[in-house]
Amino acid sequence: MTQQRIVIGISGATGFAYGIKALTLLKPLNIQTHLVISKAAHITRAHEVPDLSLAQIASLADKVYPVNNIGAAIASGSFKTMGMLIAPCSMRTLAAIAQGLSDNLLTRAADVVLKERRRLVLMVRESPFNLAHLKNMEIITLMGGVICPPVPALYQHINSIDDIITHSVARALDLFGIDIPTLPRWGEDLHLNNKPE
């Protein structure tokens, strides 16, 4: 693999903007993006980002796969990637991955990432959690995946919702070793001018 590749999954939980932000942050980097969107996520998109067409979103990725294309490249472990980020990750998708149900391309791609011991990061979106949610998160963690809910970091002096989304997604990309230069970091950018006297 000469160019690094990452799989971006968008499932049906609220927060379609997290997936868009991941693609936007990755676009200028030398990392190939492979996108798969669940059927429920298409419904969420229509409610949350109605001004963005599917074609506009697809243009942010290098390759887009239909969710029912179970024979796509990302369904095989021989197709090398850095791993997969699911942003956002619904509880349905979480459960399917935790139980090994490769019932569509999104869950199959996640299963491949786990079996190949690559990085799987799930930006789970639900609140509050019930016991099934927590147990599924535990299973994913035991399998080597990372549960990374989009929790805002309020120390950033946030000015917009986009600031919150950007920070959460950039922190998730950190887990792949992908550095987003504009990401404020505690102890670095925020306090350089606040040296103790």
N, C-alpha and C. Protein backbone atom coordinates (compact mmCIF):
# COMPACT_ATOMS: atom_id res chain seq x y z
N MET A 1 0.85 -1.17 0.00
CA MET A 1 0.00 0.00 0.00
C MET A 1 0.89 1.23 0.00
N THR A 2 0.92 1.96 -1.09
CA THR A 2 1.77 3.14 -1.18
C THR A 2 1.10 4.36 -0.54
N GLN A 3 -0.21 4.49 -0.70
CA GLN A 3 -0.94 5.59 -0.08
C GLN A 3 -1.80 5.04 1.05
N GLN A 4 -1.80 5.72 2.18
CA GLN A 4 -2.63 5.27 3.28
C GLN A 4 -4.10 5.41 2.94
N ARG A 5 -4.90 4.46 3.46
CA ARG A 5 -6.34 4.47 3.22
C ARG A 5 -7.06 4.36 4.56
N ILE A 6 -8.20 5.00 4.64
CA ILE A 6 -9.06 4.87 5.81
C ILE A 6 -10.50 4.72 5.35
N VAL A 7 -11.25 3.89 6.06
CA VAL A 7 -12.67 3.70 5.77
C VAL A 7 -13.46 4.61 6.70
N ILE A 8 -14.38 5.36 6.12
CA ILE A 8 -15.28 6.20 6.89
C ILE A 8 -16.69 5.64 6.75
N GLY A 9 -17.30 5.30 7.87
CA GLY A 9 -18.68 4.84 7.87
C GLY A 9 -19.57 5.89 8.51
N ILE A 10 -20.74 6.08 7.94
CA ILE A 10 -21.73 6.98 8.53
C ILE A 10 -22.99 6.15 8.75
N SER A 11 -23.40 6.01 10.01
CA SER A 11 -24.61 5.23 10.30
C SER A 11 -25.74 6.17 10.69
N GLY A 12 -26.88 5.62 11.08
CA GLY A 12 -28.10 6.39 11.17
C GLY A 12 -28.35 7.18 12.43
N ALA A 13 -27.40 7.22 13.36
CA ALA A 13 -27.60 8.04 14.56
C ALA A 13 -27.58 9.52 14.19
N THR A 14 -28.13 10.34 15.05
CA THR A 14 -28.03 11.78 14.82
C THR A 14 -26.56 12.19 14.85
N GLY A 15 -26.21 13.14 14.01
CA GLY A 15 -24.81 13.56 13.95
C GLY A 15 -24.17 13.28 12.61
N PHE A 16 -24.93 13.36 11.54
CA PHE A 16 -24.37 13.13 10.20
C PHE A 16 -23.20 14.08 9.95
N ALA A 17 -23.23 15.23 10.59
CA ALA A 17 -22.17 16.23 10.42
C ALA A 17 -20.80 15.71 10.85
N TYR A 18 -20.76 14.75 11.76
CA TYR A 18 -19.48 14.17 12.18
C TYR A 18 -18.80 13.45 11.02
N GLY A 19 -19.57 12.72 10.25
CA GLY A 19 -19.01 12.03 9.09
C GLY A 19 -18.53 13.00 8.03
N ILE A 20 -19.34 14.04 7.80
CA ILE A 20 -18.94 15.07 6.83
C ILE A 20 -17.65 15.75 7.27
N LYS A 21 -17.55 16.04 8.57
CA LYS A 21 -16.35 16.72 9.08
C LYS A 21 -15.13 15.82 8.94
N ALA A 22 -15.29 14.53 9.18
CA ALA A 22 -14.15 13.60 9.02
C ALA A 22 -13.64 13.64 7.58
N LEU A 23 -14.55 13.58 6.63
CA LEU A 23 -14.15 13.64 5.22
C LEU A 23 -13.51 14.98 4.87
N THR A 24 -14.04 16.05 5.42
CA THR A 24 -13.51 17.39 5.15
C THR A 24 -12.10 17.56 5.71
N LEU A 25 -11.87 17.07 6.93
CA LEU A 25 -10.55 17.18 7.54
C LEU A 25 -9.52 16.31 6.83
N LEU A 26 -9.97 15.18 6.29
CA LEU A 26 -9.05 14.25 5.62
C LEU A 26 -8.76 14.65 4.18
N LYS A 27 -9.66 15.44 3.58
CA LYS A 27 -9.56 15.78 2.16
C LYS A 27 -8.19 16.35 1.76
N PRO A 28 -7.62 17.31 2.51
CA PRO A 28 -6.33 17.88 2.08
C PRO A 28 -5.12 17.02 2.41
N LEU A 29 -5.33 15.93 3.14
CA LEU A 29 -4.22 15.06 3.54
C LEU A 29 -3.98 13.99 2.48
N ASN A 30 -2.82 13.41 2.53
CA ASN A 30 -2.49 12.35 1.57
C ASN A 30 -2.99 10.99 2.08
N ILE A 31 -4.30 10.94 2.34
CA ILE A 31 -4.94 9.72 2.85
C ILE A 31 -6.19 9.48 2.01
N GLN A 32 -6.27 8.29 1.44
CA GLN A 32 -7.41 7.94 0.59
C GLN A 32 -8.60 7.56 1.46
N THR A 33 -9.76 8.15 1.18
CA THR A 33 -10.95 7.87 1.98
C THR A 33 -11.93 6.99 1.21
N HIS A 34 -12.44 5.99 1.93
CA HIS A 34 -13.40 5.04 1.38
C HIS A 34 -14.67 5.12 2.22
N LEU A 35 -15.74 5.58 1.62
CA LEU A 35 -16.97 5.94 2.34
C LEU A 35 -18.08 4.94 2.12
N VAL A 36 -18.77 4.59 3.21
CA VAL A 36 -20.00 3.79 3.13
C VAL A 36 -21.02 4.40 4.08
N ILE A 37 -22.24 4.58 3.59
CA ILE A 37 -23.31 5.23 4.35
C ILE A 37 -24.46 4.24 4.50
N SER A 38 -24.94 4.06 5.72
CA SER A 38 -26.03 3.11 5.95
C SER A 38 -27.35 3.67 5.41
N LYS A 39 -28.34 2.78 5.27
CA LYS A 39 -29.66 3.21 4.79
C LYS A 39 -30.29 4.21 5.75
N ALA A 40 -30.19 3.95 7.04
CA ALA A 40 -30.77 4.87 8.03
C ALA A 40 -30.07 6.22 8.01
N ALA A 41 -28.77 6.23 7.70
CA ALA A 41 -28.03 7.50 7.64
C ALA A 41 -28.54 8.39 6.52
N HIS A 42 -29.03 7.81 5.45
CA HIS A 42 -29.60 8.61 4.36
C HIS A 42 -30.85 9.36 4.85
N ILE A 43 -31.61 8.72 5.71
CA ILE A 43 -32.79 9.37 6.30
C ILE A 43 -32.34 10.51 7.21
N THR A 44 -31.33 10.24 8.05
CA THR A 44 -30.80 11.27 8.95
C THR A 44 -30.27 12.45 8.16
N ARG A 45 -29.56 12.18 7.08
CA ARG A 45 -29.00 13.25 6.23
C ARG A 45 -30.11 14.20 5.75
N ALA A 46 -31.21 13.62 5.33
CA ALA A 46 -32.32 14.43 4.81
C ALA A 46 -32.87 15.38 5.87
N HIS A 47 -32.80 14.99 7.14
CA HIS A 47 -33.30 15.82 8.24
C HIS A 47 -32.25 16.82 8.72
N GLU A 48 -30.99 16.39 8.76
CA GLU A 48 -29.96 17.20 9.42
C GLU A 48 -29.15 18.09 8.48
N VAL A 49 -28.92 17.63 7.27
CA VAL A 49 -28.15 18.44 6.30
C VAL A 49 -28.87 18.42 4.94
N PRO A 50 -30.10 18.92 4.92
CA PRO A 50 -30.89 18.84 3.67
C PRO A 50 -30.30 19.65 2.52
N ASP A 51 -29.45 20.63 2.84
CA ASP A 51 -28.86 21.47 1.79
C ASP A 51 -27.69 20.80 1.09
N LEU A 52 -27.20 19.69 1.65
CA LEU A 52 -26.09 18.97 1.03
C LEU A 52 -26.62 17.74 0.31
N SER A 53 -26.36 17.66 -0.97
CA SER A 53 -26.80 16.49 -1.74
C SER A 53 -25.86 15.32 -1.50
N LEU A 54 -26.33 14.14 -1.81
CA LEU A 54 -25.49 12.96 -1.71
C LEU A 54 -24.27 13.09 -2.61
N ALA A 55 -24.44 13.69 -3.77
CA ALA A 55 -23.32 13.89 -4.70
C ALA A 55 -22.26 14.81 -4.09
N GLN A 56 -22.69 15.85 -3.39
CA GLN A 56 -21.74 16.76 -2.74
C GLN A 56 -20.96 16.04 -1.65
N ILE A 57 -21.65 15.21 -0.89
CA ILE A 57 -20.98 14.45 0.17
C ILE A 57 -20.03 13.43 -0.45
N ALA A 58 -20.47 12.75 -1.48
CA ALA A 58 -19.64 11.75 -2.16
C ALA A 58 -18.38 12.38 -2.74
N SER A 59 -18.46 13.63 -3.14
CA SER A 59 -17.29 14.30 -3.74
C SER A 59 -16.18 14.52 -2.72
N LEU A 60 -16.49 14.42 -1.43
CA LEU A 60 -15.48 14.58 -0.39
C LEU A 60 -14.63 13.32 -0.22
N ALA A 61 -15.14 12.19 -0.70
CA ALA A 61 -14.44 10.90 -0.55
C ALA A 61 -13.75 10.50 -1.85
N ASP A 62 -12.73 9.65 -1.73
CA ASP A 62 -12.06 9.14 -2.92
C ASP A 62 -12.87 8.01 -3.56
N LYS A 63 -13.57 7.24 -2.73
CA LYS A 63 -14.36 6.11 -3.24
C LYS A 63 -15.59 5.96 -2.35
N VAL A 64 -16.74 5.77 -2.97
CA VAL A 64 -17.99 5.59 -2.24
C VAL A 64 -18.60 4.25 -2.63
N TYR A 65 -19.08 3.52 -1.63
CA TYR A 65 -19.65 2.19 -1.87
C TYR A 65 -21.10 2.15 -1.40
N PRO A 66 -21.99 1.52 -2.17
CA PRO A 66 -23.36 1.28 -1.69
C PRO A 66 -23.31 0.33 -0.49
N VAL A 67 -24.18 0.55 0.48
CA VAL A 67 -24.15 -0.23 1.71
C VAL A 67 -24.49 -1.71 1.48
N ASN A 68 -25.16 -2.00 0.37
CA ASN A 68 -25.50 -3.41 0.09
C ASN A 68 -24.46 -4.12 -0.77
N ASN A 69 -23.36 -3.43 -1.11
CA ASN A 69 -22.32 -4.04 -1.95
C ASN A 69 -21.34 -4.82 -1.07
N ILE A 70 -21.76 -5.98 -0.64
CA ILE A 70 -20.98 -6.77 0.31
C ILE A 70 -19.70 -7.33 -0.31
N GLY A 71 -19.57 -7.22 -1.64
CA GLY A 71 -18.37 -7.69 -2.32
C GLY A 71 -17.37 -6.58 -2.60
N ALA A 72 -17.57 -5.41 -2.02
CA ALA A 72 -16.67 -4.27 -2.26
C ALA A 72 -15.28 -4.53 -1.67
N ALA A 73 -14.32 -3.76 -2.12
CA ALA A 73 -12.92 -3.92 -1.66
C ALA A 73 -12.80 -3.88 -0.15
N ILE A 74 -13.52 -2.96 0.51
CA ILE A 74 -13.38 -2.80 1.96
C ILE A 74 -13.98 -3.97 2.75
N ALA A 75 -14.62 -4.91 2.05
CA ALA A 75 -15.16 -6.10 2.70
C ALA A 75 -14.12 -7.22 2.81
N SER A 76 -12.92 -6.96 2.30
CA SER A 76 -11.86 -7.99 2.32
C SER A 76 -10.67 -7.52 3.14
N GLY A 77 -10.14 -8.44 3.94
CA GLY A 77 -8.95 -8.14 4.73
C GLY A 77 -7.72 -7.94 3.88
N SER A 78 -7.72 -8.42 2.65
CA SER A 78 -6.56 -8.24 1.78
C SER A 78 -6.45 -6.81 1.26
N PHE A 79 -7.53 -6.04 1.40
CA PHE A 79 -7.51 -4.62 1.03
C PHE A 79 -7.01 -3.85 2.24
N LYS A 80 -5.77 -3.39 2.18
CA LYS A 80 -5.14 -2.80 3.36
C LYS A 80 -5.63 -1.38 3.63
N THR A 81 -5.94 -1.13 4.89
CA THR A 81 -6.35 0.21 5.33
C THR A 81 -5.72 0.48 6.69
N MET A 82 -5.77 1.75 7.10
CA MET A 82 -5.37 2.13 8.46
C MET A 82 -6.40 1.65 9.46
N GLY A 83 -7.62 1.48 9.00
CA GLY A 83 -8.72 1.12 9.87
C GLY A 83 -9.99 1.82 9.45
N MET A 84 -10.90 1.97 10.40
CA MET A 84 -12.22 2.51 10.07
C MET A 84 -12.73 3.40 11.19
N LEU A 85 -13.28 4.53 10.80
CA LEU A 85 -13.98 5.44 11.72
C LEU A 85 -15.45 5.44 11.35
N ILE A 86 -16.31 5.17 12.33
CA ILE A 86 -17.75 5.27 12.10
C ILE A 86 -18.24 6.49 12.87
N ALA A 87 -18.69 7.50 12.10
CA ALA A 87 -19.04 8.79 12.67
C ALA A 87 -20.29 9.33 12.00
N PRO A 88 -21.43 9.29 12.68
CA PRO A 88 -21.65 8.74 14.01
C PRO A 88 -21.92 7.24 13.94
N CYS A 89 -21.90 6.61 15.11
CA CYS A 89 -22.19 5.18 15.19
C CYS A 89 -23.48 4.99 15.99
N SER A 90 -24.48 4.44 15.34
CA SER A 90 -25.77 4.18 16.00
C SER A 90 -25.65 2.95 16.90
N MET A 91 -26.61 2.80 17.79
CA MET A 91 -26.62 1.63 18.67
C MET A 91 -26.92 0.36 17.88
N ARG A 92 -27.64 0.49 16.78
CA ARG A 92 -27.90 -0.67 15.92
C ARG A 92 -26.60 -1.15 15.28
N THR A 93 -25.81 -0.21 14.77
CA THR A 93 -24.53 -0.56 14.15
C THR A 93 -23.56 -1.10 15.20
N LEU A 94 -23.52 -0.47 16.36
CA LEU A 94 -22.69 -0.95 17.47
C LEU A 94 -23.03 -2.41 17.80
N ALA A 95 -24.32 -2.70 17.93
CA ALA A 95 -24.76 -4.05 18.28
C ALA A 95 -24.39 -5.06 17.21
N ALA A 96 -24.59 -4.69 15.95
CA ALA A 96 -24.27 -5.61 14.85
C ALA A 96 -22.78 -5.93 14.82
N ILE A 97 -21.94 -4.92 15.04
CA ILE A 97 -20.49 -5.14 15.04
C ILE A 97 -20.09 -6.00 16.25
N ALA A 98 -20.65 -5.68 17.40
CA ALA A 98 -20.31 -6.42 18.63
C ALA A 98 -20.66 -7.90 18.51
N GLN A 99 -21.74 -8.19 17.80
CA GLN A 99 -22.19 -9.58 17.68
C GLN A 99 -21.71 -10.26 16.39
N GLY A 100 -20.88 -9.57 15.63
CA GLY A 100 -20.31 -10.17 14.42
C GLY A 100 -21.31 -10.34 13.29
N LEU A 101 -22.33 -9.49 13.25
CA LEU A 101 -23.35 -9.60 12.20
C LEU A 101 -22.95 -8.74 11.00
N SER A 102 -22.27 -9.33 10.07
CA SER A 102 -21.84 -8.61 8.86
C SER A 102 -22.99 -8.59 7.87
N ASP A 103 -24.04 -7.84 8.24
CA ASP A 103 -25.28 -7.88 7.45
C ASP A 103 -25.35 -6.80 6.39
N ASN A 104 -24.36 -5.93 6.33
CA ASN A 104 -24.26 -4.95 5.25
C ASN A 104 -22.79 -4.56 5.12
N LEU A 105 -22.47 -3.72 4.17
CA LEU A 105 -21.07 -3.40 3.93
C LEU A 105 -20.45 -2.62 5.09
N LEU A 106 -21.24 -1.76 5.73
CA LEU A 106 -20.70 -0.99 6.85
C LEU A 106 -20.27 -1.91 7.99
N THR A 107 -21.13 -2.83 8.39
CA THR A 107 -20.79 -3.72 9.50
C THR A 107 -19.74 -4.76 9.08
N ARG A 108 -19.76 -5.17 7.82
CA ARG A 108 -18.74 -6.11 7.33
C ARG A 108 -17.36 -5.44 7.32
N ALA A 109 -17.29 -4.19 6.87
CA ALA A 109 -16.01 -3.48 6.84
C ALA A 109 -15.45 -3.34 8.26
N ALA A 110 -16.33 -3.07 9.23
CA ALA A 110 -15.90 -2.97 10.62
C ALA A 110 -15.39 -4.32 11.13
N ASP A 111 -16.09 -5.39 10.76
CA ASP A 111 -15.69 -6.73 11.16
C ASP A 111 -14.31 -7.07 10.59
N VAL A 112 -14.06 -6.67 9.35
CA VAL A 112 -12.77 -6.90 8.70
C VAL A 112 -11.67 -6.17 9.46
N VAL A 113 -11.92 -4.92 9.82
CA VAL A 113 -10.94 -4.13 10.56
C VAL A 113 -10.58 -4.83 11.87
N LEU A 114 -11.59 -5.34 12.57
CA LEU A 114 -11.32 -6.03 13.84
C LEU A 114 -10.55 -7.33 13.63
N LYS A 115 -10.96 -8.11 12.64
CA LYS A 115 -10.29 -9.40 12.44
C LYS A 115 -8.85 -9.24 11.97
N GLU A 116 -8.57 -8.14 11.27
CA GLU A 116 -7.22 -7.87 10.79
C GLU A 116 -6.38 -7.10 11.82
N ARG A 117 -6.98 -6.86 13.00
CA ARG A 117 -6.31 -6.16 14.10
C ARG A 117 -5.89 -4.74 13.71
N ARG A 118 -6.78 -4.09 12.96
CA ARG A 118 -6.58 -2.68 12.61
C ARG A 118 -7.42 -1.82 13.55
N ARG A 119 -7.30 -0.53 13.44
CA ARG A 119 -7.98 0.39 14.35
C ARG A 119 -9.43 0.61 13.94
N LEU A 120 -10.35 0.36 14.87
CA LEU A 120 -11.76 0.66 14.68
C LEU A 120 -12.16 1.67 15.74
N VAL A 121 -12.66 2.83 15.30
CA VAL A 121 -13.09 3.89 16.22
C VAL A 121 -14.56 4.17 15.97
N LEU A 122 -15.35 4.08 17.04
CA LEU A 122 -16.79 4.27 16.94
C LEU A 122 -17.20 5.51 17.71
N MET A 123 -17.67 6.51 16.99
CA MET A 123 -18.19 7.72 17.64
C MET A 123 -19.67 7.48 17.96
N VAL A 124 -19.89 6.77 19.06
CA VAL A 124 -21.26 6.36 19.43
C VAL A 124 -22.09 7.57 19.82
N ARG A 125 -23.34 7.56 19.35
CA ARG A 125 -24.26 8.67 19.60
C ARG A 125 -25.56 8.15 20.18
N GLU A 126 -25.66 8.26 21.49
CA GLU A 126 -26.90 7.88 22.19
C GLU A 126 -26.78 8.41 23.61
N SER A 127 -27.89 8.70 24.23
CA SER A 127 -27.87 9.13 25.63
C SER A 127 -29.30 9.11 26.16
N PRO A 128 -29.50 8.53 27.33
CA PRO A 128 -28.54 7.76 28.13
C PRO A 128 -28.35 6.37 27.53
N PHE A 129 -27.37 5.63 28.05
CA PHE A 129 -27.11 4.27 27.58
C PHE A 129 -27.90 3.28 28.43
N ASN A 130 -28.41 2.23 27.77
CA ASN A 130 -28.97 1.14 28.56
C ASN A 130 -27.92 0.04 28.70
N LEU A 131 -28.24 -1.02 29.40
CA LEU A 131 -27.24 -2.06 29.69
C LEU A 131 -26.76 -2.75 28.41
N ALA A 132 -27.66 -2.94 27.45
CA ALA A 132 -27.25 -3.57 26.18
C ALA A 132 -26.21 -2.71 25.47
N HIS A 133 -26.42 -1.40 25.46
CA HIS A 133 -25.44 -0.49 24.84
C HIS A 133 -24.08 -0.63 25.51
N LEU A 134 -24.08 -0.61 26.84
CA LEU A 134 -22.83 -0.67 27.60
C LEU A 134 -22.12 -2.01 27.39
N LYS A 135 -22.89 -3.09 27.37
CA LYS A 135 -22.29 -4.41 27.15
C LYS A 135 -21.70 -4.51 25.74
N ASN A 136 -22.40 -3.96 24.75
CA ASN A 136 -21.87 -3.98 23.39
C ASN A 136 -20.59 -3.15 23.29
N MET A 137 -20.54 -2.02 23.99
CA MET A 137 -19.31 -1.22 24.01
C MET A 137 -18.17 -1.98 24.67
N GLU A 138 -18.50 -2.72 25.72
CA GLU A 138 -17.47 -3.54 26.38
C GLU A 138 -16.93 -4.60 25.42
N ILE A 139 -17.83 -5.25 24.69
CA ILE A 139 -17.42 -6.29 23.73
C ILE A 139 -16.49 -5.70 22.68
N ILE A 140 -16.89 -4.54 22.12
CA ILE A 140 -16.05 -3.89 21.10
C ILE A 140 -14.68 -3.56 21.67
N THR A 141 -14.65 -3.05 22.89
CA THR A 141 -13.38 -2.70 23.54
C THR A 141 -12.51 -3.93 23.73
N LEU A 142 -13.10 -5.03 24.16
CA LEU A 142 -12.35 -6.27 24.37
C LEU A 142 -11.81 -6.82 23.05
N MET A 143 -12.49 -6.50 21.94
CA MET A 143 -12.04 -6.93 20.62
C MET A 143 -10.97 -6.01 20.05
N GLY A 144 -10.69 -4.91 20.74
CA GLY A 144 -9.65 -4.00 20.28
C GLY A 144 -10.15 -2.71 19.66
N GLY A 145 -11.48 -2.56 19.59
CA GLY A 145 -12.03 -1.31 19.07
C GLY A 145 -11.98 -0.21 20.11
N VAL A 146 -12.21 1.02 19.68
CA VAL A 146 -12.18 2.17 20.58
C VAL A 146 -13.54 2.86 20.52
N ILE A 147 -14.14 3.02 21.69
CA ILE A 147 -15.39 3.76 21.80
C ILE A 147 -15.03 5.21 22.07
N CYS A 148 -15.45 6.09 21.17
CA CYS A 148 -15.03 7.50 21.23
C CYS A 148 -16.25 8.41 21.02
N PRO A 149 -17.08 8.56 22.08
CA PRO A 149 -18.25 9.43 21.92
C PRO A 149 -17.82 10.87 21.64
N PRO A 150 -18.58 11.59 20.83
CA PRO A 150 -18.24 12.98 20.56
C PRO A 150 -18.60 13.88 21.74
N VAL A 151 -17.67 13.99 22.68
CA VAL A 151 -17.88 14.78 23.90
C VAL A 151 -17.17 16.11 23.74
N PRO A 152 -17.89 17.23 23.87
CA PRO A 152 -17.23 18.53 23.65
C PRO A 152 -16.20 18.85 24.72
N ALA A 153 -15.11 19.47 24.29
CA ALA A 153 -14.07 19.94 25.21
C ALA A 153 -14.30 21.44 25.41
N LEU A 154 -14.87 21.82 26.53
CA LEU A 154 -15.30 23.19 26.73
C LEU A 154 -14.15 24.15 27.02
N TYR A 155 -12.95 23.61 27.28
CA TYR A 155 -11.81 24.48 27.53
C TYR A 155 -11.34 25.22 26.28
N GLN A 156 -11.90 24.89 25.13
CA GLN A 156 -11.45 25.51 23.89
C GLN A 156 -11.98 26.89 23.62
N HIS A 157 -12.86 27.41 24.47
CA HIS A 157 -13.52 28.69 24.20
C HIS A 157 -14.28 28.59 22.88
N ILE A 158 -15.21 27.68 22.86
CA ILE A 158 -15.98 27.34 21.67
C ILE A 158 -16.83 28.51 21.20
N ASN A 159 -16.78 28.77 19.92
CA ASN A 159 -17.56 29.86 19.33
C ASN A 159 -18.72 29.37 18.47
N SER A 160 -18.72 28.09 18.12
CA SER A 160 -19.77 27.59 17.23
C SER A 160 -19.94 26.09 17.40
N ILE A 161 -21.05 25.59 16.88
CA ILE A 161 -21.27 24.14 16.86
C ILE A 161 -20.20 23.47 16.02
N ASP A 162 -19.79 24.13 14.94
CA ASP A 162 -18.75 23.57 14.08
C ASP A 162 -17.44 23.36 14.86
N ASP A 163 -17.13 24.27 15.79
CA ASP A 163 -15.94 24.09 16.63
C ASP A 163 -16.02 22.80 17.43
N ILE A 164 -17.20 22.53 17.99
CA ILE A 164 -17.41 21.31 18.79
C ILE A 164 -17.23 20.07 17.91
N ILE A 165 -17.88 20.09 16.74
CA ILE A 165 -17.81 18.95 15.82
C ILE A 165 -16.37 18.73 15.36
N THR A 166 -15.69 19.81 14.99
CA THR A 166 -14.31 19.70 14.51
C THR A 166 -13.41 19.09 15.57
N HIS A 167 -13.52 19.56 16.80
CA HIS A 167 -12.67 19.05 17.87
C HIS A 167 -12.92 17.57 18.11
N SER A 168 -14.19 17.16 18.17
CA SER A 168 -14.52 15.75 18.42
C SER A 168 -13.97 14.84 17.33
N VAL A 169 -14.15 15.25 16.08
CA VAL A 169 -13.69 14.41 14.96
C VAL A 169 -12.16 14.40 14.88
N ALA A 170 -11.53 15.54 15.11
CA ALA A 170 -10.06 15.60 15.08
C ALA A 170 -9.46 14.71 16.17
N ARG A 171 -10.11 14.67 17.34
CA ARG A 171 -9.63 13.79 18.42
C ARG A 171 -9.80 12.32 18.03
N ALA A 172 -10.89 12.00 17.33
CA ALA A 172 -11.08 10.63 16.85
C ALA A 172 -10.01 10.26 15.83
N LEU A 173 -9.67 11.20 14.95
CA LEU A 173 -8.62 10.94 13.95
C LEU A 173 -7.25 10.81 14.59
N ASP A 174 -7.06 11.48 15.72
CA ASP A 174 -5.82 11.30 16.51
C ASP A 174 -5.55 9.83 16.81
N LEU A 175 -6.62 9.07 17.01
CA LEU A 175 -6.49 7.66 17.38
C LEU A 175 -5.92 6.81 16.25
N PHE A 176 -5.87 7.36 15.05
CA PHE A 176 -5.25 6.69 13.91
C PHE A 176 -3.84 7.23 13.66
N GLY A 177 -3.40 8.16 14.50
CA GLY A 177 -2.11 8.79 14.29
C GLY A 177 -2.17 9.87 13.22
N ILE A 178 -3.39 10.34 12.92
CA ILE A 178 -3.57 11.40 11.93
C ILE A 178 -3.58 12.73 12.66
N ASP A 179 -2.64 13.58 12.33
CA ASP A 179 -2.51 14.87 13.01
C ASP A 179 -3.25 15.95 12.22
N ILE A 180 -4.18 16.59 12.90
CA ILE A 180 -4.88 17.74 12.33
C ILE A 180 -4.21 18.99 12.93
N PRO A 181 -3.42 19.71 12.15
CA PRO A 181 -2.61 20.80 12.69
C PRO A 181 -3.38 21.88 13.43
N THR A 182 -4.63 22.11 13.06
CA THR A 182 -5.41 23.19 13.67
C THR A 182 -6.08 22.78 14.98
N LEU A 183 -5.91 21.53 15.41
CA LEU A 183 -6.57 21.06 16.62
C LEU A 183 -5.92 21.67 17.86
N PRO A 184 -6.68 22.44 18.66
CA PRO A 184 -6.10 22.96 19.91
C PRO A 184 -5.80 21.81 20.87
N ARG A 185 -4.67 21.87 21.52
CA ARG A 185 -4.27 20.81 22.44
C ARG A 185 -3.98 21.39 23.81
N TRP A 186 -4.50 20.75 24.82
CA TRP A 186 -4.31 21.18 26.20
C TRP A 186 -2.82 21.23 26.53
N GLY A 187 -2.39 22.32 27.13
CA GLY A 187 -0.99 22.44 27.52
C GLY A 187 -0.09 22.92 26.40
N GLU A 188 -0.64 23.06 25.20
CA GLU A 188 0.16 23.54 24.08
C GLU A 188 -0.40 24.88 23.61
N ASP A 189 -1.36 24.84 22.69
CA ASP A 189 -1.88 26.08 22.10
C ASP A 189 -2.56 27.00 23.11
N LEU A 190 -3.31 26.44 24.05
CA LEU A 190 -4.15 27.27 24.90
C LEU A 190 -3.39 28.03 25.98
N HIS A 191 -2.26 27.51 26.41
CA HIS A 191 -1.60 28.10 27.57
C HIS A 191 -0.22 28.65 27.29
N LEU A 192 0.14 28.78 26.05
CA LEU A 192 1.47 29.31 25.71
C LEU A 192 1.68 30.72 26.22
N ASN A 193 0.59 31.50 26.23
CA ASN A 193 0.70 32.88 26.65
C ASN A 193 0.34 33.08 28.12
N ASN A 194 0.08 31.98 28.82
CA ASN A 194 -0.31 32.06 30.23
C ASN A 194 0.77 31.46 31.12
N LYS A 195 2.01 31.88 30.94
CA LYS A 195 3.10 31.34 31.74
C LYS A 195 3.01 31.89 33.16
N PRO A 196 3.26 31.03 34.16
CA PRO A 196 3.22 31.52 35.55
C PRO A 196 4.32 32.53 35.79
N GLU A 197 4.03 33.52 36.61
CA GLU A 197 5.04 34.58 36.92
C GLU A 197 6.02 34.06 37.96
